[in-house]
Amino acid sequence: MAEVSRVHSIPNQFGRRDELSGAYIAGFVDGEGCFCVSFSKHQTSKRRLEVRPQFEIELRADDKPVLERIKKVLDCGEIYHLDYERYKWSPHVKYKVAKIDDLKNKIIPFFKKNPLQAKKSRSFKIWSQVVEMVYKKEHLSYGGFQKIIKLRDKIRQSGKKNYEPPGYGKTVRPVA
């Protein structure tokens, strides 16, 4: 009979194992995660813009323990506290991975081994191309930079802010 590791056999304060499974994390990210590409001002770059692929999960602050457990499994990134007081929202926490080496060598392999199952898998595939391009420094050429802009726009088109369901905006008339 195989020996069970202590990590997997000792329940945490909620009666659950401390280590999260890859399938759980992939499902969680399908619902709450974000594979994004942003551009920020940069004083020393030729274009004065820096390409920033990032992986993020943002939740209410009372769900911070699950982000800590995800961070432990992925072995990279940081957790930040966010205050949305001006919007009268509850405080939030964000788990963010922005280091290109971590994105390339930890995040991408993790989600290739534990595939996303929903629409976010499409964003992940496109985002992975951007990470690969930045890792290879292709973003420094004009053509590479332009390609990244197009890939970023594809990611945005599939996001919830740009989604329009079939028939959206059309007048619906009852069938007589």
N, C-alpha and C. Protein backbone atom coordinates (compact mmCIF):
# COMPACT_ATOMS: atom_id res chain seq x y z
N MET A 1 0.84 -1.18 0.00
CA MET A 1 0.00 0.00 0.00
C MET A 1 0.89 1.25 0.00
N ALA A 2 0.56 2.22 -0.85
CA ALA A 2 1.36 3.44 -0.97
C ALA A 2 1.19 4.31 0.27
N GLU A 3 2.27 4.96 0.65
CA GLU A 3 2.24 5.84 1.80
C GLU A 3 1.64 7.19 1.39
N VAL A 4 0.76 7.73 2.22
CA VAL A 4 0.12 9.02 1.97
C VAL A 4 1.01 10.10 2.54
N SER A 5 1.27 11.15 1.77
CA SER A 5 2.13 12.22 2.28
C SER A 5 1.41 13.01 3.36
N ARG A 6 2.17 13.57 4.29
CA ARG A 6 1.58 14.35 5.38
C ARG A 6 0.85 15.57 4.86
N VAL A 7 1.37 16.20 3.81
CA VAL A 7 0.73 17.40 3.25
C VAL A 7 -0.69 17.09 2.81
N HIS A 8 -0.89 15.92 2.23
CA HIS A 8 -2.20 15.58 1.70
C HIS A 8 -3.13 14.98 2.74
N SER A 9 -2.61 14.63 3.91
CA SER A 9 -3.44 13.95 4.89
C SER A 9 -3.86 14.83 6.07
N ILE A 10 -3.24 15.98 6.25
CA ILE A 10 -3.57 16.83 7.39
C ILE A 10 -4.55 17.91 6.92
N PRO A 11 -5.79 17.91 7.47
CA PRO A 11 -6.74 18.94 7.06
C PRO A 11 -6.38 20.30 7.65
N ASN A 12 -6.77 21.37 6.95
CA ASN A 12 -6.53 22.72 7.46
C ASN A 12 -7.69 23.12 8.37
N GLN A 13 -7.77 24.39 8.74
CA GLN A 13 -8.80 24.86 9.67
C GLN A 13 -10.22 24.68 9.14
N PHE A 14 -10.39 24.54 7.82
CA PHE A 14 -11.72 24.36 7.25
C PHE A 14 -12.03 22.89 6.99
N GLY A 15 -11.13 21.99 7.43
CA GLY A 15 -11.34 20.57 7.22
C GLY A 15 -10.93 20.09 5.83
N ARG A 16 -10.23 20.96 5.07
CA ARG A 16 -9.77 20.59 3.72
C ARG A 16 -8.27 20.39 3.74
N ARG A 17 -7.78 19.66 2.73
CA ARG A 17 -6.33 19.50 2.60
C ARG A 17 -5.71 20.85 2.28
N ASP A 18 -4.46 21.04 2.71
CA ASP A 18 -3.78 22.31 2.46
C ASP A 18 -3.42 22.49 0.99
N GLU A 19 -3.02 21.44 0.32
CA GLU A 19 -2.60 21.55 -1.08
C GLU A 19 -3.82 21.46 -2.00
N LEU A 20 -3.95 22.41 -2.90
CA LEU A 20 -5.05 22.39 -3.87
C LEU A 20 -4.64 21.58 -5.09
N SER A 21 -5.58 20.91 -5.71
CA SER A 21 -5.28 20.14 -6.92
C SER A 21 -5.18 21.07 -8.12
N GLY A 22 -4.48 20.62 -9.13
CA GLY A 22 -4.37 21.39 -10.37
C GLY A 22 -5.72 21.59 -11.02
N ALA A 23 -6.57 20.58 -10.97
CA ALA A 23 -7.91 20.69 -11.56
C ALA A 23 -8.74 21.75 -10.84
N TYR A 24 -8.63 21.81 -9.51
CA TYR A 24 -9.36 22.82 -8.75
C TYR A 24 -8.90 24.22 -9.16
N ILE A 25 -7.57 24.40 -9.22
CA ILE A 25 -7.03 25.73 -9.57
C ILE A 25 -7.46 26.11 -10.98
N ALA A 26 -7.40 25.18 -11.93
CA ALA A 26 -7.81 25.49 -13.30
C ALA A 26 -9.28 25.91 -13.33
N GLY A 27 -10.13 25.20 -12.62
CA GLY A 27 -11.55 25.57 -12.56
C GLY A 27 -11.76 26.92 -11.92
N PHE A 28 -11.01 27.18 -10.86
CA PHE A 28 -11.11 28.47 -10.17
C PHE A 28 -10.71 29.60 -11.11
N VAL A 29 -9.62 29.40 -11.85
CA VAL A 29 -9.12 30.42 -12.78
C VAL A 29 -10.10 30.59 -13.95
N ASP A 30 -10.74 29.51 -14.40
CA ASP A 30 -11.77 29.64 -15.44
C ASP A 30 -12.82 30.66 -15.03
N GLY A 31 -13.17 30.69 -13.76
CA GLY A 31 -14.20 31.60 -13.29
C GLY A 31 -13.69 32.95 -12.82
N GLU A 32 -12.53 32.98 -12.18
CA GLU A 32 -12.07 34.19 -11.51
C GLU A 32 -10.75 34.77 -12.02
N GLY A 33 -10.04 34.03 -12.85
CA GLY A 33 -8.70 34.46 -13.27
C GLY A 33 -8.71 35.38 -14.47
N CYS A 34 -7.55 35.95 -14.75
CA CYS A 34 -7.40 36.87 -15.88
C CYS A 34 -6.00 36.71 -16.47
N PHE A 35 -5.96 36.47 -17.77
CA PHE A 35 -4.70 36.47 -18.52
C PHE A 35 -4.72 37.77 -19.31
N CYS A 36 -3.91 38.74 -18.90
CA CYS A 36 -4.02 40.06 -19.52
C CYS A 36 -2.68 40.53 -20.06
N VAL A 37 -2.78 41.47 -20.98
CA VAL A 37 -1.60 42.12 -21.56
C VAL A 37 -1.87 43.61 -21.47
N SER A 38 -1.00 44.32 -20.79
CA SER A 38 -1.16 45.76 -20.68
C SER A 38 0.11 46.45 -21.18
N PHE A 39 0.00 47.73 -21.36
CA PHE A 39 1.13 48.55 -21.77
C PHE A 39 1.27 49.66 -20.75
N SER A 40 2.49 49.91 -20.32
CA SER A 40 2.72 51.00 -19.37
C SER A 40 3.84 51.89 -19.89
N LYS A 41 3.80 53.14 -19.45
CA LYS A 41 4.84 54.09 -19.85
C LYS A 41 6.19 53.63 -19.30
N HIS A 42 7.20 53.80 -20.14
CA HIS A 42 8.55 53.38 -19.75
C HIS A 42 9.53 54.39 -20.32
N GLN A 43 10.31 55.01 -19.46
CA GLN A 43 11.19 56.11 -19.86
C GLN A 43 12.32 55.72 -20.80
N THR A 44 12.86 54.52 -20.65
CA THR A 44 14.06 54.19 -21.41
C THR A 44 13.79 53.35 -22.66
N SER A 45 12.60 52.84 -22.84
CA SER A 45 12.35 52.03 -24.04
C SER A 45 12.17 52.93 -25.26
N LYS A 46 12.44 52.36 -26.43
CA LYS A 46 12.39 53.12 -27.67
C LYS A 46 11.00 53.71 -27.93
N ARG A 47 9.97 52.92 -27.66
CA ARG A 47 8.59 53.36 -27.90
C ARG A 47 7.98 54.09 -26.71
N ARG A 48 8.72 54.13 -25.62
CA ARG A 48 8.24 54.71 -24.37
C ARG A 48 7.08 53.91 -23.77
N LEU A 49 6.92 52.68 -24.25
CA LEU A 49 5.89 51.77 -23.73
C LEU A 49 6.51 50.42 -23.42
N GLU A 50 6.05 49.82 -22.35
CA GLU A 50 6.52 48.51 -21.96
C GLU A 50 5.36 47.53 -22.07
N VAL A 51 5.60 46.35 -22.65
CA VAL A 51 4.59 45.30 -22.77
C VAL A 51 4.61 44.51 -21.47
N ARG A 52 3.42 44.31 -20.86
CA ARG A 52 3.35 43.63 -19.58
C ARG A 52 2.30 42.53 -19.58
N PRO A 53 2.67 41.30 -19.96
CA PRO A 53 1.73 40.20 -19.77
C PRO A 53 1.66 39.85 -18.29
N GLN A 54 0.46 39.55 -17.81
CA GLN A 54 0.27 39.25 -16.39
C GLN A 54 -0.81 38.20 -16.22
N PHE A 55 -0.72 37.47 -15.13
CA PHE A 55 -1.76 36.54 -14.71
C PHE A 55 -2.28 37.04 -13.38
N GLU A 56 -3.62 37.15 -13.23
CA GLU A 56 -4.19 37.72 -12.02
C GLU A 56 -5.46 37.00 -11.59
N ILE A 57 -5.69 37.02 -10.29
CA ILE A 57 -6.96 36.61 -9.71
C ILE A 57 -7.29 37.65 -8.65
N GLU A 58 -8.47 38.25 -8.73
CA GLU A 58 -8.88 39.25 -7.75
C GLU A 58 -10.15 38.78 -7.05
N LEU A 59 -10.13 38.84 -5.72
CA LEU A 59 -11.26 38.39 -4.90
C LEU A 59 -11.48 39.35 -3.74
N ARG A 60 -12.59 39.18 -3.06
CA ARG A 60 -12.80 39.93 -1.82
C ARG A 60 -11.75 39.51 -0.81
N ALA A 61 -11.39 40.42 0.06
CA ALA A 61 -10.30 40.17 1.02
C ALA A 61 -10.57 38.97 1.93
N ASP A 62 -11.83 38.67 2.20
CA ASP A 62 -12.11 37.54 3.09
C ASP A 62 -11.83 36.19 2.41
N ASP A 63 -11.54 36.20 1.11
CA ASP A 63 -11.15 34.98 0.39
C ASP A 63 -9.64 34.88 0.19
N LYS A 64 -8.88 35.71 0.90
CA LYS A 64 -7.42 35.69 0.76
C LYS A 64 -6.81 34.31 1.01
N PRO A 65 -7.32 33.50 1.94
CA PRO A 65 -6.70 32.19 2.16
C PRO A 65 -6.64 31.31 0.91
N VAL A 66 -7.64 31.38 0.06
CA VAL A 66 -7.60 30.55 -1.16
C VAL A 66 -6.52 31.06 -2.11
N LEU A 67 -6.32 32.38 -2.17
CA LEU A 67 -5.24 32.92 -3.01
C LEU A 67 -3.88 32.50 -2.46
N GLU A 68 -3.75 32.48 -1.14
CA GLU A 68 -2.48 32.04 -0.55
C GLU A 68 -2.20 30.58 -0.90
N ARG A 69 -3.22 29.76 -0.92
CA ARG A 69 -3.05 28.35 -1.25
C ARG A 69 -2.71 28.18 -2.74
N ILE A 70 -3.33 28.99 -3.60
CA ILE A 70 -3.00 28.94 -5.04
C ILE A 70 -1.56 29.38 -5.25
N LYS A 71 -1.17 30.47 -4.59
CA LYS A 71 0.21 30.97 -4.71
C LYS A 71 1.21 29.90 -4.27
N LYS A 72 0.88 29.18 -3.22
CA LYS A 72 1.77 28.13 -2.72
C LYS A 72 1.97 27.04 -3.77
N VAL A 73 0.90 26.64 -4.44
CA VAL A 73 1.01 25.59 -5.47
C VAL A 73 1.78 26.10 -6.68
N LEU A 74 1.48 27.33 -7.13
CA LEU A 74 2.12 27.86 -8.33
C LEU A 74 3.55 28.34 -8.05
N ASP A 75 3.88 28.58 -6.79
CA ASP A 75 5.24 28.91 -6.36
C ASP A 75 5.79 30.17 -7.03
N CYS A 76 4.94 31.17 -7.18
CA CYS A 76 5.39 32.45 -7.74
C CYS A 76 4.32 33.50 -7.50
N GLY A 77 4.64 34.74 -7.81
CA GLY A 77 3.68 35.83 -7.72
C GLY A 77 3.59 36.45 -6.34
N GLU A 78 2.72 37.47 -6.26
CA GLU A 78 2.53 38.23 -5.02
C GLU A 78 1.03 38.46 -4.81
N ILE A 79 0.66 38.68 -3.56
CA ILE A 79 -0.72 39.01 -3.21
C ILE A 79 -0.72 40.45 -2.72
N TYR A 80 -1.62 41.26 -3.28
CA TYR A 80 -1.73 42.67 -2.95
C TYR A 80 -3.10 42.98 -2.35
N HIS A 81 -3.13 43.90 -1.42
CA HIS A 81 -4.40 44.36 -0.85
C HIS A 81 -4.87 45.58 -1.65
N LEU A 82 -6.14 45.58 -2.02
CA LEU A 82 -6.71 46.67 -2.79
C LEU A 82 -7.85 47.29 -1.99
N ASP A 83 -7.94 48.60 -2.01
CA ASP A 83 -9.00 49.29 -1.29
C ASP A 83 -9.87 50.03 -2.28
N TYR A 84 -11.11 49.65 -2.35
CA TYR A 84 -12.06 50.29 -3.27
C TYR A 84 -13.04 51.15 -2.50
N GLU A 85 -12.56 51.83 -1.46
CA GLU A 85 -13.43 52.61 -0.58
C GLU A 85 -14.26 53.64 -1.34
N ARG A 86 -13.67 54.27 -2.35
CA ARG A 86 -14.40 55.31 -3.09
C ARG A 86 -15.61 54.74 -3.83
N TYR A 87 -15.59 53.44 -4.13
CA TYR A 87 -16.73 52.80 -4.78
C TYR A 87 -17.66 52.15 -3.77
N LYS A 88 -17.27 52.22 -2.48
CA LYS A 88 -18.01 51.58 -1.40
C LYS A 88 -18.07 50.06 -1.56
N TRP A 89 -16.99 49.49 -2.11
CA TRP A 89 -16.86 48.03 -2.23
C TRP A 89 -16.11 47.52 -1.02
N SER A 90 -16.26 46.24 -0.78
CA SER A 90 -15.46 45.58 0.25
C SER A 90 -14.00 45.57 -0.19
N PRO A 91 -13.08 45.53 0.76
CA PRO A 91 -11.67 45.43 0.38
C PRO A 91 -11.42 44.15 -0.43
N HIS A 92 -10.47 44.21 -1.33
CA HIS A 92 -10.14 43.09 -2.21
C HIS A 92 -8.67 42.72 -2.06
N VAL A 93 -8.34 41.54 -2.55
CA VAL A 93 -6.95 41.10 -2.66
C VAL A 93 -6.74 40.61 -4.09
N LYS A 94 -5.53 40.82 -4.58
CA LYS A 94 -5.20 40.38 -5.94
C LYS A 94 -3.94 39.55 -5.89
N TYR A 95 -4.03 38.37 -6.50
CA TYR A 95 -2.85 37.54 -6.71
C TYR A 95 -2.37 37.85 -8.11
N LYS A 96 -1.10 38.26 -8.24
CA LYS A 96 -0.59 38.66 -9.55
C LYS A 96 0.78 38.06 -9.80
N VAL A 97 0.95 37.53 -11.01
CA VAL A 97 2.25 37.05 -11.46
C VAL A 97 2.61 37.89 -12.68
N ALA A 98 3.73 38.61 -12.59
CA ALA A 98 4.13 39.49 -13.67
C ALA A 98 5.55 39.23 -14.19
N LYS A 99 6.36 38.50 -13.44
CA LYS A 99 7.73 38.21 -13.88
C LYS A 99 7.67 37.28 -15.08
N ILE A 100 8.32 37.68 -16.15
CA ILE A 100 8.24 36.93 -17.41
C ILE A 100 8.77 35.50 -17.25
N ASP A 101 9.82 35.31 -16.46
CA ASP A 101 10.34 33.95 -16.23
C ASP A 101 9.30 33.07 -15.53
N ASP A 102 8.59 33.63 -14.55
CA ASP A 102 7.56 32.86 -13.85
C ASP A 102 6.38 32.55 -14.77
N LEU A 103 6.00 33.51 -15.60
CA LEU A 103 4.90 33.27 -16.54
C LEU A 103 5.27 32.15 -17.50
N LYS A 104 6.49 32.23 -18.04
CA LYS A 104 6.95 31.26 -19.04
C LYS A 104 7.21 29.88 -18.44
N ASN A 105 7.86 29.84 -17.28
CA ASN A 105 8.34 28.58 -16.73
C ASN A 105 7.47 27.96 -15.64
N LYS A 106 6.48 28.70 -15.14
CA LYS A 106 5.60 28.15 -14.10
C LYS A 106 4.12 28.20 -14.49
N ILE A 107 3.64 29.37 -14.88
CA ILE A 107 2.21 29.52 -15.16
C ILE A 107 1.80 28.77 -16.43
N ILE A 108 2.51 28.99 -17.53
CA ILE A 108 2.14 28.32 -18.79
C ILE A 108 2.22 26.80 -18.65
N PRO A 109 3.33 26.24 -18.13
CA PRO A 109 3.36 24.78 -17.97
C PRO A 109 2.24 24.25 -17.05
N PHE A 110 1.92 25.01 -16.00
CA PHE A 110 0.86 24.56 -15.09
C PHE A 110 -0.47 24.41 -15.83
N PHE A 111 -0.83 25.42 -16.63
CA PHE A 111 -2.12 25.37 -17.32
C PHE A 111 -2.10 24.49 -18.56
N LYS A 112 -0.92 24.15 -19.05
CA LYS A 112 -0.85 23.13 -20.10
C LYS A 112 -1.07 21.74 -19.48
N LYS A 113 -0.57 21.55 -18.27
CA LYS A 113 -0.77 20.28 -17.58
C LYS A 113 -2.19 20.17 -17.01
N ASN A 114 -2.76 21.30 -16.61
CA ASN A 114 -4.11 21.37 -16.01
C ASN A 114 -4.95 22.31 -16.86
N PRO A 115 -5.45 21.84 -18.01
CA PRO A 115 -6.09 22.74 -18.97
C PRO A 115 -7.37 23.39 -18.45
N LEU A 116 -7.53 24.64 -18.87
CA LEU A 116 -8.77 25.36 -18.61
C LEU A 116 -9.87 24.73 -19.46
N GLN A 117 -11.11 24.76 -18.98
CA GLN A 117 -12.20 24.07 -19.66
C GLN A 117 -13.22 25.01 -20.30
N ALA A 118 -13.19 26.26 -19.95
CA ALA A 118 -14.19 27.22 -20.45
C ALA A 118 -13.57 28.16 -21.49
N LYS A 119 -14.27 29.22 -21.79
CA LYS A 119 -13.83 30.18 -22.81
C LYS A 119 -12.47 30.79 -22.51
N LYS A 120 -12.10 30.82 -21.24
CA LYS A 120 -10.82 31.42 -20.87
C LYS A 120 -9.64 30.65 -21.47
N SER A 121 -9.86 29.40 -21.89
CA SER A 121 -8.77 28.63 -22.51
C SER A 121 -8.30 29.32 -23.79
N ARG A 122 -9.22 29.95 -24.52
CA ARG A 122 -8.84 30.68 -25.74
C ARG A 122 -7.95 31.87 -25.39
N SER A 123 -8.33 32.62 -24.36
CA SER A 123 -7.51 33.76 -23.92
C SER A 123 -6.13 33.28 -23.49
N PHE A 124 -6.09 32.15 -22.78
CA PHE A 124 -4.81 31.61 -22.33
C PHE A 124 -3.89 31.28 -23.50
N LYS A 125 -4.43 30.67 -24.54
CA LYS A 125 -3.60 30.32 -25.70
C LYS A 125 -3.03 31.56 -26.37
N ILE A 126 -3.84 32.57 -26.53
CA ILE A 126 -3.37 33.82 -27.15
C ILE A 126 -2.34 34.50 -26.24
N TRP A 127 -2.67 34.58 -24.97
CA TRP A 127 -1.79 35.21 -23.98
C TRP A 127 -0.44 34.49 -23.93
N SER A 128 -0.46 33.17 -24.03
CA SER A 128 0.78 32.40 -24.02
C SER A 128 1.70 32.79 -25.16
N GLN A 129 1.11 33.11 -26.32
CA GLN A 129 1.92 33.57 -27.46
C GLN A 129 2.62 34.89 -27.12
N VAL A 130 1.90 35.78 -26.45
CA VAL A 130 2.49 37.07 -26.06
C VAL A 130 3.64 36.84 -25.07
N VAL A 131 3.41 35.99 -24.08
CA VAL A 131 4.47 35.70 -23.10
C VAL A 131 5.71 35.16 -23.82
N GLU A 132 5.50 34.23 -24.74
CA GLU A 132 6.61 33.65 -25.49
C GLU A 132 7.35 34.73 -26.29
N MET A 133 6.61 35.63 -26.91
CA MET A 133 7.24 36.71 -27.70
C MET A 133 8.06 37.63 -26.80
N VAL A 134 7.51 38.00 -25.63
CA VAL A 134 8.24 38.88 -24.71
C VAL A 134 9.47 38.14 -24.17
N TYR A 135 9.31 36.87 -23.85
CA TYR A 135 10.43 36.07 -23.36
C TYR A 135 11.58 36.05 -24.37
N LYS A 136 11.23 35.96 -25.66
CA LYS A 136 12.24 35.93 -26.73
C LYS A 136 12.64 37.34 -27.18
N LYS A 137 12.08 38.35 -26.53
CA LYS A 137 12.37 39.77 -26.82
C LYS A 137 11.88 40.22 -28.20
N GLU A 138 10.91 39.51 -28.75
CA GLU A 138 10.35 39.89 -30.05
C GLU A 138 9.53 41.17 -29.95
N HIS A 139 9.10 41.53 -28.76
CA HIS A 139 8.32 42.75 -28.56
C HIS A 139 9.15 44.01 -28.82
N LEU A 140 10.46 43.86 -28.87
CA LEU A 140 11.32 45.02 -29.08
C LEU A 140 11.35 45.48 -30.53
N SER A 141 10.97 44.60 -31.45
CA SER A 141 10.91 45.01 -32.87
C SER A 141 9.54 45.62 -33.16
N TYR A 142 9.48 46.46 -34.17
CA TYR A 142 8.22 47.10 -34.56
C TYR A 142 7.18 46.05 -34.92
N GLY A 143 7.56 45.08 -35.73
CA GLY A 143 6.63 44.04 -36.15
C GLY A 143 6.13 43.21 -34.99
N GLY A 144 7.02 42.86 -34.07
CA GLY A 144 6.63 42.09 -32.90
C GLY A 144 5.68 42.87 -32.00
N PHE A 145 5.97 44.15 -31.82
CA PHE A 145 5.11 45.01 -30.99
C PHE A 145 3.71 45.11 -31.59
N GLN A 146 3.64 45.29 -32.92
CA GLN A 146 2.34 45.38 -33.59
C GLN A 146 1.57 44.07 -33.46
N LYS A 147 2.26 42.94 -33.57
CA LYS A 147 1.61 41.64 -33.43
C LYS A 147 1.04 41.47 -32.02
N ILE A 148 1.78 41.92 -31.01
CA ILE A 148 1.31 41.84 -29.63
C ILE A 148 0.06 42.69 -29.45
N ILE A 149 0.00 43.84 -30.05
CA ILE A 149 -1.21 44.68 -29.96
C ILE A 149 -2.41 43.93 -30.52
N LYS A 150 -2.23 43.27 -31.66
CA LYS A 150 -3.32 42.50 -32.27
C LYS A 150 -3.73 41.32 -31.38
N LEU A 151 -2.76 40.64 -30.81
CA LEU A 151 -3.07 39.52 -29.92
C LEU A 151 -3.80 40.01 -28.66
N ARG A 152 -3.34 41.13 -28.11
CA ARG A 152 -4.02 41.71 -26.94
C ARG A 152 -5.47 42.05 -27.28
N ASP A 153 -5.71 42.59 -28.48
CA ASP A 153 -7.07 42.92 -28.89
C ASP A 153 -7.95 41.67 -29.03
N LYS A 154 -7.36 40.55 -29.45
CA LYS A 154 -8.10 39.29 -29.53
C LYS A 154 -8.51 38.82 -28.13
N ILE A 155 -7.61 38.98 -27.19
CA ILE A 155 -7.93 38.61 -25.81
C ILE A 155 -9.10 39.47 -25.31
N ARG A 156 -9.04 40.75 -25.57
CA ARG A 156 -10.10 41.66 -25.13
C ARG A 156 -11.44 41.33 -25.75
N GLN A 157 -11.44 40.93 -27.02
CA GLN A 157 -12.70 40.59 -27.70
C GLN A 157 -13.40 39.42 -27.04
N SER A 158 -12.65 38.52 -26.45
CA SER A 158 -13.27 37.35 -25.82
C SER A 158 -13.60 37.59 -24.36
N GLY A 159 -13.27 38.77 -23.83
CA GLY A 159 -13.52 39.07 -22.42
C GLY A 159 -14.96 39.43 -22.14
N LYS A 160 -15.34 39.41 -20.86
CA LYS A 160 -16.72 39.66 -20.48
C LYS A 160 -17.17 41.09 -20.75
N LYS A 161 -16.26 42.03 -20.81
CA LYS A 161 -16.66 43.42 -21.05
C LYS A 161 -17.03 43.67 -22.51
N ASN A 162 -16.56 42.83 -23.41
CA ASN A 162 -16.85 43.01 -24.83
C ASN A 162 -17.80 41.97 -25.40
N TYR A 163 -18.29 41.07 -24.54
CA TYR A 163 -19.14 39.99 -25.01
C TYR A 163 -20.55 40.49 -25.28
N GLU A 164 -21.06 40.19 -26.46
CA GLU A 164 -22.45 40.48 -26.79
C GLU A 164 -23.11 39.18 -27.20
N PRO A 165 -24.08 38.72 -26.42
CA PRO A 165 -24.74 37.46 -26.76
C PRO A 165 -25.48 37.57 -28.08
N PRO A 166 -25.75 36.43 -28.74
CA PRO A 166 -26.48 36.46 -30.00
C PRO A 166 -27.82 37.19 -29.82
N GLY A 167 -28.11 38.09 -30.74
CA GLY A 167 -29.37 38.84 -30.68
C GLY A 167 -29.31 40.05 -29.79
N TYR A 168 -28.16 40.33 -29.16
CA TYR A 168 -28.04 41.48 -28.26
C TYR A 168 -28.27 42.75 -29.05
N GLY A 169 -29.10 43.62 -28.51
CA GLY A 169 -29.37 44.91 -29.15
C GLY A 169 -30.50 44.86 -30.16
N LYS A 170 -31.00 43.68 -30.47
CA LYS A 170 -32.11 43.56 -31.42
C LYS A 170 -33.43 43.61 -30.67
N THR A 171 -34.42 44.17 -31.30
CA THR A 171 -35.74 44.20 -30.71
C THR A 171 -36.36 42.82 -30.82
N VAL A 172 -36.86 42.33 -29.70
CA VAL A 172 -37.47 41.01 -29.69
C VAL A 172 -38.99 41.20 -29.73
N ARG A 173 -39.62 40.59 -30.71
CA ARG A 173 -41.08 40.69 -30.83
C ARG A 173 -41.70 39.33 -30.55
N PRO A 174 -42.80 39.32 -29.82
CA PRO A 174 -43.44 38.04 -29.55
C PRO A 174 -43.98 37.42 -30.83
N VAL A 175 -43.94 36.10 -30.87
CA VAL A 175 -44.47 35.38 -32.02
C VAL A 175 -45.99 35.34 -31.89
N ALA A 176 -46.70 35.75 -32.95
CA ALA A 176 -48.16 35.81 -32.88
C ALA A 176 -48.79 34.46 -33.11
